């Protein structure tokens, strides 16, 4: 039997293991911790807080053939998602493949396009094993990142990363009565700032560039009902207002941030960016002066505070770095990292891979979920594609095709201005992979789900309607269960 290893048991690793098992393989799955979940599995793993919610509703943040249990919050909490992943592993018998407390220390190519894994299980001696194929699903958000701000080493207050802010108890212990600076106004920054107002004496958020702050519930049309934002944004409808005039649509559903504070205003002499932060309470709290905001191109620290780029200075007791994460591929050798074009400090595009999966010069190796902004449907489609290639049901893309895909990713890496995500068109990325796997839902004109496919929200179940491993009855049930904002008219 073909031997396959999977590194990691977050959503991408579990999807890979399940897809390989569906094809009759028995993958060895290496997990460094004692339980599954990846960034959602527990404190300091990436999902910054037990209070954190998903930014997508459970209709989108799901596997295509594993429904969420009844009563789930529309935007699940971290604990709910951790439970969902454990349920998925149990349902499909994935735990029998997992080697817990097994940290991969090196991954090196062997003769014959095979790969040698060196790992340490618990406190045991170093072990090695050789595999025909290895799937790297160790996560994109691997290591907390803090920029090298001038004077940071002189600051005498306490400095935390968003990964350290993982419970309400910690908020009370670390921030009560403190003057807090939150560096970064993206997803974790705005949510942490919104929680800090309950504990801190003052909260100030520093940001470099303006962006849109969009609540989780928005209407598809000015006079329409509110729906989960993913059900409004992610569809194949080309004439939707969001695609026709994005800035105007965002202003209608989220409001002009510049009207709340001049520090949040867009530059008049530049194109309005489409950087979006999902935040429910942030703008209202800024408007109520519960949160201060300061736009600053640079921060200069001293012993007791910070000077902003306009020369103004402010004292702080605590700093929270909401500055994101870096990828960590330390188990590869220098030669492999060079082939991958790996740049650990590049938070947008740290590796260069065809569809974020393959490189022609690393045969037998594949990645799942290794890109900024991974979505459950994409991780699952990548996994299904890999598993069908490993078993010979599908051919590996040609070298020319892969190199063209890699060059496209290189163009994204060097794009100026840099996009918020390398593939903001989630639907286009998912549909392209679905075509590769053979599961794109092309339906006849008379099919009862045709309108849902063309104008309804793109949910994971779309990719179980047709093709290999299809589950059309379950898929239809899940598709019809998701509200379809654009079909209301």
Protein backbone atom coordinates (compact mmCIF):
# COMPACT_ATOMS: atom_id res chain seq x y z
CA UNK A 1 0.00 0.00 0.00
CA UNK A 2 1.15 3.53 -0.74
CA UNK A 3 2.47 5.11 2.45
CA UNK A 4 1.33 8.63 3.34
CA UNK A 5 2.03 10.94 6.28
CA UNK A 6 0.09 14.03 7.32
CA UNK A 7 1.60 16.69 9.58
CA UNK A 8 -0.96 18.44 11.78
CA UNK A 9 -4.53 17.89 13.00
CA UNK A 10 -6.12 21.28 12.54
CA UNK A 11 -8.96 21.55 10.00
CA UNK A 12 -6.54 21.07 7.09
CA UNK A 13 -4.85 18.00 8.58
CA UNK A 14 -8.15 16.36 9.46
CA UNK A 15 -9.54 17.03 5.99
CA UNK A 16 -6.40 15.51 4.46
CA UNK A 17 -6.55 12.43 6.67
CA UNK A 18 -10.24 11.89 5.96
CA UNK A 19 -9.82 12.27 2.19
CA UNK A 20 -6.90 9.84 2.12
CA UNK A 21 -8.84 7.32 4.22
CA UNK A 22 -11.80 7.63 1.83
CA UNK A 23 -9.47 6.45 -0.93
CA UNK A 24 -8.53 3.34 1.05
CA UNK A 25 -5.23 4.64 2.43
CA UNK A 26 -4.09 4.54 6.06
CA UNK A 27 -2.22 7.79 6.72
CA UNK A 28 0.12 8.30 9.64
CA UNK A 29 -0.88 11.66 11.12
CA UNK A 30 1.67 13.47 13.29
CA UNK A 31 0.37 15.86 15.93
CA UNK A 32 2.77 17.70 18.24
CA UNK A 33 0.14 18.25 20.94
CA UNK A 34 -1.98 15.87 22.96
CA UNK A 35 -5.23 16.64 21.15
CA UNK A 36 -6.53 17.81 17.80
CA UNK A 37 -7.71 21.26 16.74
CA UNK A 38 -4.78 23.26 15.38
CA UNK A 39 -5.26 26.99 15.98
CA UNK A 40 -8.72 26.29 17.43
CA UNK A 41 -7.61 23.61 19.86
CA UNK A 42 -6.67 25.65 22.91
CA UNK A 43 -4.91 28.66 24.41
CA UNK A 44 -2.04 30.34 22.56
CA UNK A 45 -2.70 28.39 19.38
CA UNK A 46 -3.75 31.23 17.09
CA UNK A 47 -7.46 31.72 17.77
CA UNK A 48 -6.72 34.41 20.30
CA UNK A 49 -9.42 33.87 22.91
CA UNK A 50 -11.96 31.46 24.29
CA UNK A 51 -14.36 34.32 23.58
CA UNK A 52 -13.35 34.47 19.92
CA UNK A 53 -16.01 33.76 17.32
CA UNK A 54 -15.51 32.64 13.77
CA UNK A 55 -15.71 35.36 11.12
CA UNK A 56 -17.82 33.11 8.91
CA UNK A 57 -21.13 31.52 9.82
CA UNK A 58 -21.36 27.79 10.42
CA UNK A 59 -22.91 27.46 6.96
CA UNK A 60 -19.50 28.30 5.43
CA UNK A 61 -17.15 27.33 8.25
CA UNK A 62 -17.82 23.62 7.86
CA UNK A 63 -16.87 20.47 6.02
CA UNK A 64 -19.06 19.55 3.08
CA UNK A 65 -20.45 16.29 4.51
CA UNK A 66 -20.46 16.94 8.26
CA UNK A 67 -23.26 19.25 9.46
CA UNK A 68 -22.96 21.25 12.65
CA UNK A 69 -25.14 19.97 15.51
CA UNK A 70 -28.52 21.63 16.13
CA UNK A 71 -28.37 24.67 18.38
CA UNK A 72 -24.95 25.83 17.22
CA UNK A 73 -24.35 29.58 17.36
CA UNK A 74 -24.50 31.10 13.87
CA UNK A 75 -20.95 32.37 14.40
CA UNK A 76 -19.48 29.63 16.62
CA UNK A 77 -17.13 30.24 19.52
CA UNK A 78 -13.65 28.72 19.61
CA UNK A 79 -14.81 25.99 21.98
CA UNK A 80 -17.66 25.07 19.64
CA UNK A 81 -15.32 24.81 16.67
CA UNK A 82 -12.90 22.69 18.69
CA UNK A 83 -15.81 20.39 19.52
CA UNK A 84 -16.88 20.29 15.88
CA UNK A 85 -13.41 19.17 14.81
CA UNK A 86 -13.34 16.47 17.47
CA UNK A 87 -16.76 15.28 16.31
CA UNK A 88 -15.49 15.15 12.72
CA UNK A 89 -12.51 13.03 13.77
CA UNK A 90 -14.78 10.65 15.67
CA UNK A 91 -17.39 10.39 12.91
CA UNK A 92 -14.86 9.36 10.29
CA UNK A 93 -12.58 7.30 12.52
CA UNK A 94 -9.56 9.56 12.16
CA UNK A 95 -8.13 9.18 15.66
CA UNK A 96 -6.82 5.71 14.85
CA UNK A 97 -4.37 7.31 12.40
CA UNK A 98 -3.07 10.03 14.75
CA UNK A 99 0.21 9.89 16.63
CA UNK A 100 -0.26 12.43 19.42
CA UNK A 101 2.63 14.19 21.18
CA UNK A 102 4.71 13.52 18.06
CA UNK A 103 6.62 16.59 16.97
CA UNK A 104 8.14 16.48 13.48
CA UNK A 105 11.72 17.74 13.70
CA UNK A 106 12.84 17.27 10.11
CA UNK A 107 11.41 16.40 6.71
CA UNK A 108 13.92 15.51 3.98
CA UNK A 109 13.66 14.05 0.49
CA UNK A 110 14.93 10.51 -0.10
CA UNK A 111 15.84 8.67 -3.28
CA UNK A 112 12.90 7.64 -5.40
CA UNK A 113 10.81 10.73 -4.60
CA UNK A 114 10.18 9.54 -1.06
CA UNK A 115 10.35 11.56 2.17
CA UNK A 116 11.97 10.82 5.52
CA UNK A 117 10.33 12.20 8.64
CA UNK A 118 12.29 12.48 11.87
CA UNK A 119 10.07 12.98 14.90
CA UNK A 120 10.15 12.81 18.66
CA UNK A 121 7.19 11.28 20.49
CA UNK A 122 6.91 12.62 24.01
CA UNK A 123 10.26 12.28 25.73
CA UNK A 124 11.35 9.32 23.63
CA UNK A 125 14.41 9.12 21.44
CA UNK A 126 14.29 10.45 17.91
CA UNK A 127 12.45 8.18 15.46
CA UNK A 128 12.40 8.19 11.67
CA UNK A 129 10.04 6.86 9.04
CA UNK A 130 10.01 7.02 5.23
CA UNK A 131 6.88 7.72 3.18
CA UNK A 132 5.89 7.79 -0.47
CA UNK A 133 3.93 10.98 0.08
CA UNK A 134 3.77 13.65 2.79
CA UNK A 135 1.00 16.22 3.25
CA UNK A 136 2.06 19.31 5.19
CA UNK A 137 -0.96 20.61 7.11
CA UNK A 138 0.87 22.20 10.01
CA UNK A 139 -0.97 25.50 9.74
CA UNK A 140 -0.34 28.94 8.31
CA UNK A 141 -0.52 30.72 11.68
CA UNK A 142 2.45 29.05 13.34
CA UNK A 143 4.43 31.63 15.29
CA UNK A 144 3.33 34.95 16.89
CA UNK A 145 4.91 37.90 15.08
CA UNK A 146 6.03 41.17 16.67
CA UNK A 147 7.59 43.87 14.45
CA UNK A 148 10.89 45.47 15.45
CA UNK A 149 9.61 48.83 16.66
CA UNK A 150 12.14 51.51 17.55
CA UNK A 151 12.79 51.69 21.29
CA UNK A 152 10.64 48.67 22.12
CA UNK A 153 13.41 47.22 24.28
CA UNK A 154 13.29 50.39 26.44
CA UNK A 155 9.61 50.10 27.29
CA UNK A 156 9.21 49.22 30.99
CA UNK A 157 5.56 48.24 30.79
CA UNK A 158 4.31 44.79 29.92
CA UNK A 159 4.10 43.57 26.33
CA UNK A 160 1.75 40.82 25.19
CA UNK A 161 0.77 39.28 21.86
CA UNK A 162 -2.84 38.61 20.91
CA UNK A 163 -2.06 34.90 21.41
CA UNK A 164 -1.54 35.65 25.13
CA UNK A 165 -5.04 37.08 25.53
CA UNK A 166 -6.90 33.80 25.62
CA UNK A 167 -9.49 34.11 28.42
CA UNK A 168 -11.64 36.66 30.27
CA UNK A 169 -9.68 35.82 33.43
CA UNK A 170 -6.45 36.90 31.77
CA UNK A 171 -8.07 40.15 30.66
CA UNK A 172 -9.02 40.91 34.25
CA UNK A 173 -5.63 39.94 35.67
CA UNK A 174 -3.43 41.73 33.15
CA UNK A 175 -5.37 44.80 32.06
CA UNK A 176 -7.56 45.95 34.95
CA UNK A 177 -7.09 49.68 35.46
CA UNK A 178 -4.27 49.88 32.89
CA UNK A 179 -3.66 52.25 30.01
CA UNK A 180 -3.50 49.85 27.07
CA UNK A 181 -2.16 50.32 23.56
CA UNK A 182 -3.40 47.79 21.01
CA UNK A 183 -1.09 47.68 17.97
CA UNK A 184 -3.07 46.66 14.92
CA UNK A 185 -6.72 47.14 13.98
CA UNK A 186 -7.35 43.94 12.07
CA UNK A 187 -9.49 41.03 13.21
CA UNK A 188 -7.91 40.28 16.60
CA UNK A 189 -7.04 43.93 17.32
CA UNK A 190 -10.58 45.25 17.05
CA UNK A 191 -12.11 42.33 18.97
CA UNK A 192 -9.53 42.52 21.77
CA UNK A 193 -9.96 46.29 22.03
CA UNK A 194 -13.73 45.84 22.28
CA UNK A 195 -13.29 43.42 25.20
CA UNK A 196 -10.63 45.53 26.92
CA UNK A 197 -13.03 48.43 27.54
CA UNK A 198 -14.58 46.36 30.35
CA UNK A 199 -11.27 46.20 32.24
CA UNK A 200 -8.79 48.87 31.17
CA UNK A 201 -8.59 52.49 32.30
CA UNK A 202 -8.13 53.48 28.65
CA UNK A 203 -7.79 51.67 25.32
CA UNK A 204 -6.05 53.11 22.26
CA UNK A 205 -5.75 51.28 18.95
CA UNK A 206 -2.88 52.18 16.61
CA UNK A 207 -3.28 51.39 12.92
CA UNK A 208 -1.20 52.12 9.82
CA UNK A 209 -3.81 52.19 7.07
CA UNK A 210 -7.57 52.81 6.94
CA UNK A 211 -9.95 49.92 6.38
CA UNK A 212 -13.61 48.98 6.42
CA UNK A 213 -15.15 47.66 9.65
CA UNK A 214 -17.98 45.32 8.69
CA UNK A 215 -20.36 43.67 11.18
CA UNK A 216 -21.10 39.96 10.98
CA UNK A 217 -24.72 40.58 9.96
CA UNK A 218 -25.36 42.71 6.88
CA UNK A 219 -28.11 43.14 4.26
CA UNK A 220 -27.60 42.11 0.66
CA UNK A 221 -29.66 45.13 -0.45
CA UNK A 222 -30.24 48.50 1.29
CA UNK A 223 -33.76 47.56 2.35
CA UNK A 224 -33.12 43.84 2.82
CA UNK A 225 -32.95 41.65 5.89
CA UNK A 226 -29.62 41.13 7.59
CA UNK A 227 -27.80 37.87 6.99
CA UNK A 228 -24.41 36.44 7.93
CA UNK A 229 -21.92 38.40 5.84
CA UNK A 230 -20.41 35.30 4.20
CA UNK A 231 -23.81 34.41 2.75
CA UNK A 232 -23.96 37.88 1.20
CA UNK A 233 -20.37 38.14 -0.09
CA UNK A 234 -19.56 34.64 -1.37
CA UNK A 235 -21.60 33.80 -4.45
CA UNK A 236 -21.22 33.37 -8.21
CA UNK A 237 -23.56 36.24 -9.06
CA UNK A 238 -21.66 38.75 -11.22
CA UNK A 239 -24.28 41.51 -11.04
CA UNK A 240 -24.38 41.78 -7.26
CA UNK A 241 -23.77 45.34 -5.93
CA UNK A 242 -20.76 44.09 -3.94
CA UNK A 243 -19.01 43.16 -7.20
CA UNK A 244 -20.27 46.10 -9.24
CA UNK A 245 -19.20 48.86 -6.84
CA UNK A 246 -17.46 47.43 -3.74
CA UNK A 247 -16.75 50.74 -2.00
CA UNK A 248 -20.31 51.96 -2.36
CA UNK A 249 -21.67 48.64 -1.13
CA UNK A 250 -19.36 48.61 1.90
CA UNK A 251 -20.29 52.18 2.76
CA UNK A 252 -23.97 51.16 2.67
CA UNK A 253 -23.62 48.09 4.89
CA UNK A 254 -20.82 49.22 7.23
CA UNK A 255 -20.87 53.02 7.20
CA UNK A 256 -18.02 55.43 6.55
CA UNK A 257 -15.33 54.92 9.22
CA UNK A 258 -14.05 58.45 8.57
CA UNK A 259 -17.35 59.81 9.84
CA UNK A 260 -16.66 58.13 13.19
CA UNK A 261 -13.09 59.41 13.54
CA UNK A 262 -10.79 61.34 11.19
CA UNK A 263 -8.07 58.86 12.20
CA UNK A 264 -10.06 56.18 10.33
CA UNK A 265 -10.74 58.25 7.20
CA UNK A 266 -9.62 57.06 3.78
CA UNK A 267 -7.05 59.15 1.92
CA UNK A 268 -8.77 61.45 -0.55
CA UNK A 269 -5.98 61.27 -3.13
CA UNK A 270 -5.82 57.44 -3.25
CA UNK A 271 -8.05 54.61 -4.36
CA UNK A 272 -10.25 53.42 -1.53
CA UNK A 273 -8.78 50.11 -0.32
CA UNK A 274 -10.94 47.03 0.08
CA UNK A 275 -9.27 45.81 3.26
CA UNK A 276 -12.11 44.51 5.44
CA UNK A 277 -12.14 43.84 9.17
CA UNK A 278 -15.05 41.95 10.65
CA UNK A 279 -15.97 43.79 13.85
CA UNK A 280 -19.39 44.16 15.44
CA UNK A 281 -18.88 46.73 18.20
CA UNK A 282 -15.63 48.52 17.36
CA UNK A 283 -16.95 51.57 15.48
CA UNK A 284 -19.71 52.18 18.02
CA UNK A 285 -17.15 52.07 20.82
CA UNK A 286 -14.90 54.52 18.98
CA UNK A 287 -17.90 56.79 18.43
CA UNK A 288 -18.70 56.60 22.16
CA UNK A 289 -15.04 57.39 22.96
CA UNK A 290 -14.62 54.11 24.80
CA UNK A 291 -11.78 53.32 22.39
CA UNK A 292 -9.28 55.83 21.07
CA UNK A 293 -7.78 55.36 17.63
CA UNK A 294 -4.51 56.69 16.24
CA UNK A 295 -3.35 56.29 12.67
CA UNK A 296 0.43 56.24 12.60
CA UNK A 297 2.94 55.06 10.02
CA UNK A 298 5.44 54.27 12.77
CA UNK A 299 5.64 53.87 16.52
CA UNK A 300 8.63 54.90 18.64
CA UNK A 301 8.67 53.49 22.16
CA UNK A 302 10.38 54.87 25.25
CA UNK A 303 10.36 53.77 28.89
CA UNK A 304 6.76 54.75 29.60
CA UNK A 305 4.97 55.27 26.33
CA UNK A 306 4.88 55.79 22.59
CA UNK A 307 5.46 58.65 20.16
CA UNK A 308 3.36 58.52 17.01
CA UNK A 309 4.48 59.59 13.56
CA UNK A 310 2.83 63.02 13.90
CA UNK A 311 4.98 63.75 16.98
CA UNK A 312 2.28 63.25 19.56
CA UNK A 313 3.20 61.13 22.58
CA UNK A 314 1.08 59.09 24.98
CA UNK A 315 1.82 57.09 28.13
CA UNK A 316 0.86 53.42 28.37
CA UNK A 317 1.18 50.67 30.97
CA UNK A 318 0.58 47.69 28.67
CA UNK A 319 0.95 46.96 24.96
CA UNK A 320 -0.91 44.21 23.09
CA UNK A 321 0.66 43.30 19.75
CA UNK A 322 -2.15 42.30 17.39
CA UNK A 323 0.39 41.99 14.61
CA UNK A 324 -0.40 38.54 13.33
CA UNK A 325 1.54 35.34 12.90
CA UNK A 326 4.32 33.96 10.75
CA UNK A 327 4.57 30.61 9.04
CA UNK A 328 7.13 28.22 10.41
CA UNK A 329 8.58 25.48 8.22
CA UNK A 330 11.66 24.80 10.31
CA UNK A 331 11.46 21.04 9.73
CA UNK A 332 12.51 21.57 6.09
CA UNK A 333 16.12 21.90 5.11
CA UNK A 334 17.55 25.04 3.51
CA UNK A 335 17.36 23.49 0.03
CA UNK A 336 13.64 22.73 0.33
CA UNK A 337 12.85 26.15 1.76
CA UNK A 338 14.71 27.74 -1.14
CA UNK A 339 12.70 25.73 -3.68
CA UNK A 340 9.49 26.79 -1.93
CA UNK A 341 10.59 30.43 -2.10
CA UNK A 342 9.95 30.47 1.64
CA UNK A 343 10.08 33.88 3.33
CA UNK A 344 9.04 33.54 6.95
CA UNK A 345 8.54 37.28 7.50
CA UNK A 346 6.15 37.56 4.55
CA UNK A 347 2.73 37.38 6.18
CA UNK A 348 0.90 37.51 2.84
CA UNK A 349 2.66 34.93 0.68
CA UNK A 350 5.42 33.03 2.52
CA UNK A 351 5.61 30.14 0.03
CA UNK A 352 5.16 29.84 -3.74
CA UNK A 353 3.11 26.79 -4.73
CA UNK A 354 0.71 25.83 -7.50
CA UNK A 355 -2.75 26.39 -5.99
CA UNK A 356 -0.90 26.46 -2.64
CA UNK A 357 -0.50 22.69 -2.94
CA UNK A 358 2.30 21.47 -5.26
CA UNK A 359 5.79 22.33 -6.46
CA UNK A 360 7.19 20.35 -9.42
CA UNK A 361 10.66 20.15 -7.87
CA UNK A 362 9.34 18.54 -4.67
CA UNK A 363 7.57 15.39 -5.92
CA UNK A 364 5.67 13.44 -3.32
CA UNK A 365 5.07 16.56 -1.23
CA UNK A 366 1.79 18.48 -0.94
CA UNK A 367 0.39 21.26 1.26
CA UNK A 368 -3.12 21.84 2.59
CA UNK A 369 -4.35 25.11 4.08
CA UNK A 370 -1.00 26.83 3.74
CA UNK A 371 -2.12 30.25 2.59
CA UNK A 372 -3.39 33.41 4.23
CA UNK A 373 -7.12 33.16 4.80
CA UNK A 374 -7.73 29.41 4.43
CA UNK A 375 -11.40 28.41 4.19
CA UNK A 376 -12.86 25.02 5.05
CA UNK A 377 -14.09 24.34 1.48
CA UNK A 378 -10.66 25.14 0.01
CA UNK A 379 -8.81 22.97 2.52
CA UNK A 380 -11.20 20.12 1.82
CA UNK A 381 -10.94 20.48 -1.96
CA UNK A 382 -7.15 20.57 -1.76
CA UNK A 383 -7.28 17.37 0.30
CA UNK A 384 -9.63 15.60 -2.11
CA UNK A 385 -7.42 16.61 -5.03
CA UNK A 386 -4.26 15.30 -3.34
CA UNK A 387 -5.86 12.00 -2.33
CA UNK A 388 -7.09 11.28 -5.87
CA UNK A 389 -3.63 12.06 -7.27
CA UNK A 390 -1.92 9.85 -4.67
CA UNK A 391 -4.15 6.90 -5.62
CA UNK A 392 -3.68 7.48 -9.34
CA UNK A 393 -7.28 8.47 -10.06
CA UNK A 394 -6.11 11.85 -11.31
CA UNK A 395 -2.86 12.87 -12.97
CA UNK A 396 -0.45 15.27 -11.31
CA UNK A 397 -0.56 18.69 -13.01
CA UNK A 398 2.14 19.08 -15.64
CA UNK A 399 5.35 20.88 -14.80
CA UNK A 400 4.38 23.75 -17.10
CA UNK A 401 0.99 24.12 -15.45
CA UNK A 402 2.53 24.15 -11.98
CA UNK A 403 5.21 26.66 -12.94
CA UNK A 404 2.57 28.96 -14.40
CA UNK A 405 0.61 28.69 -11.16
CA UNK A 406 3.72 29.46 -9.13
CA UNK A 407 4.47 32.52 -11.24
CA UNK A 408 0.96 33.77 -10.59
CA UNK A 409 1.58 33.43 -6.85
CA UNK A 410 4.90 35.27 -7.29
CA UNK A 411 3.05 38.16 -8.96
CA UNK A 412 0.71 38.31 -5.97
CA UNK A 413 3.70 38.40 -3.61
CA UNK A 414 5.14 41.44 -5.39
CA UNK A 415 1.85 43.23 -6.06
CA UNK A 416 1.77 46.87 -4.98
CA UNK A 417 -0.25 47.85 -3.09
CA UNK A 418 -0.30 44.49 -1.37
CA UNK A 419 -3.75 42.88 -1.18
CA UNK A 420 -5.24 41.95 2.17
CA UNK A 421 -5.35 38.29 1.11
CA UNK A 422 -3.55 36.53 -1.74
CA UNK A 423 -6.87 35.14 -2.99
CA UNK A 424 -9.62 37.52 -1.97
CA UNK A 425 -11.82 35.78 -4.53
CA UNK A 426 -12.52 32.75 -2.36
CA UNK A 427 -15.20 31.51 -4.76
CA UNK A 428 -12.83 31.61 -7.74
CA UNK A 429 -10.15 29.69 -5.85
CA UNK A 430 -12.63 27.06 -4.63
CA UNK A 431 -14.27 26.66 -8.04
CA UNK A 432 -10.88 26.24 -9.72
CA UNK A 433 -9.96 23.46 -7.31
CA UNK A 434 -13.40 21.90 -7.73
CA UNK A 435 -12.77 21.74 -11.46
CA UNK A 436 -9.44 19.99 -10.82
CA UNK A 437 -11.10 17.45 -8.52
CA UNK A 438 -14.08 16.92 -10.82
CA UNK A 439 -16.75 18.15 -8.40
CA UNK A 440 -17.74 21.55 -9.79
CA UNK A 441 -21.57 21.65 -9.62
CA UNK A 442 -22.64 22.05 -13.24
CA UNK A 443 -26.39 21.50 -13.13
CA UNK A 444 -28.99 21.24 -15.87
CA UNK A 445 -31.34 24.18 -16.40
CA UNK A 446 -34.23 22.31 -14.82
CA UNK A 447 -32.36 21.20 -11.72
CA UNK A 448 -34.15 22.40 -8.54
CA UNK A 449 -30.88 23.72 -7.09
CA UNK A 450 -29.74 25.57 -10.21
CA UNK A 451 -30.66 29.01 -8.81
CA UNK A 452 -28.92 28.26 -5.52
CA UNK A 453 -25.73 27.35 -7.36
CA UNK A 454 -25.81 30.42 -9.60
CA UNK A 455 -27.05 33.09 -7.15
CA UNK A 456 -27.08 31.51 -3.71
CA UNK A 457 -24.18 31.54 -1.25
CA UNK A 458 -21.29 29.22 -2.06
CA UNK A 459 -21.26 26.78 0.86
CA UNK A 460 -19.10 23.62 1.17
CA UNK A 461 -22.00 21.33 0.27
CA UNK A 462 -21.90 22.68 -3.31
CA UNK A 463 -18.93 20.39 -3.83
CA UNK A 464 -20.75 17.20 -2.77
CA UNK A 465 -23.52 17.46 -5.34
CA UNK A 466 -21.74 15.76 -8.23
CA UNK A 467 -18.55 13.87 -9.03
CA UNK A 468 -16.52 11.38 -7.00
CA UNK A 469 -17.62 10.84 -3.38
CA UNK A 470 -20.78 12.87 -4.02
CA UNK A 471 -23.52 12.86 -1.39
CA UNK A 472 -26.30 14.64 -3.28
CA UNK A 473 -29.10 14.15 -0.75
CA UNK A 474 -27.06 15.49 2.15
CA UNK A 475 -25.67 18.27 -0.04
CA UNK A 476 -29.15 19.40 -1.10
CA UNK A 477 -30.29 19.46 2.52
CA UNK A 478 -27.35 21.62 3.60
CA UNK A 479 -27.64 23.98 0.62
CA UNK A 480 -31.33 24.60 1.25
CA UNK A 481 -30.69 25.11 4.97
CA UNK A 482 -28.45 28.11 4.29
CA UNK A 483 -30.29 31.44 3.80
CA UNK A 484 -29.87 32.73 0.26
CA UNK A 485 -29.97 36.57 0.43
CA UNK A 486 -29.75 37.15 -3.32
CA UNK A 487 -32.74 34.89 -3.95
CA UNK A 488 -35.01 37.00 -1.77
CA UNK A 489 -35.74 39.18 -4.80
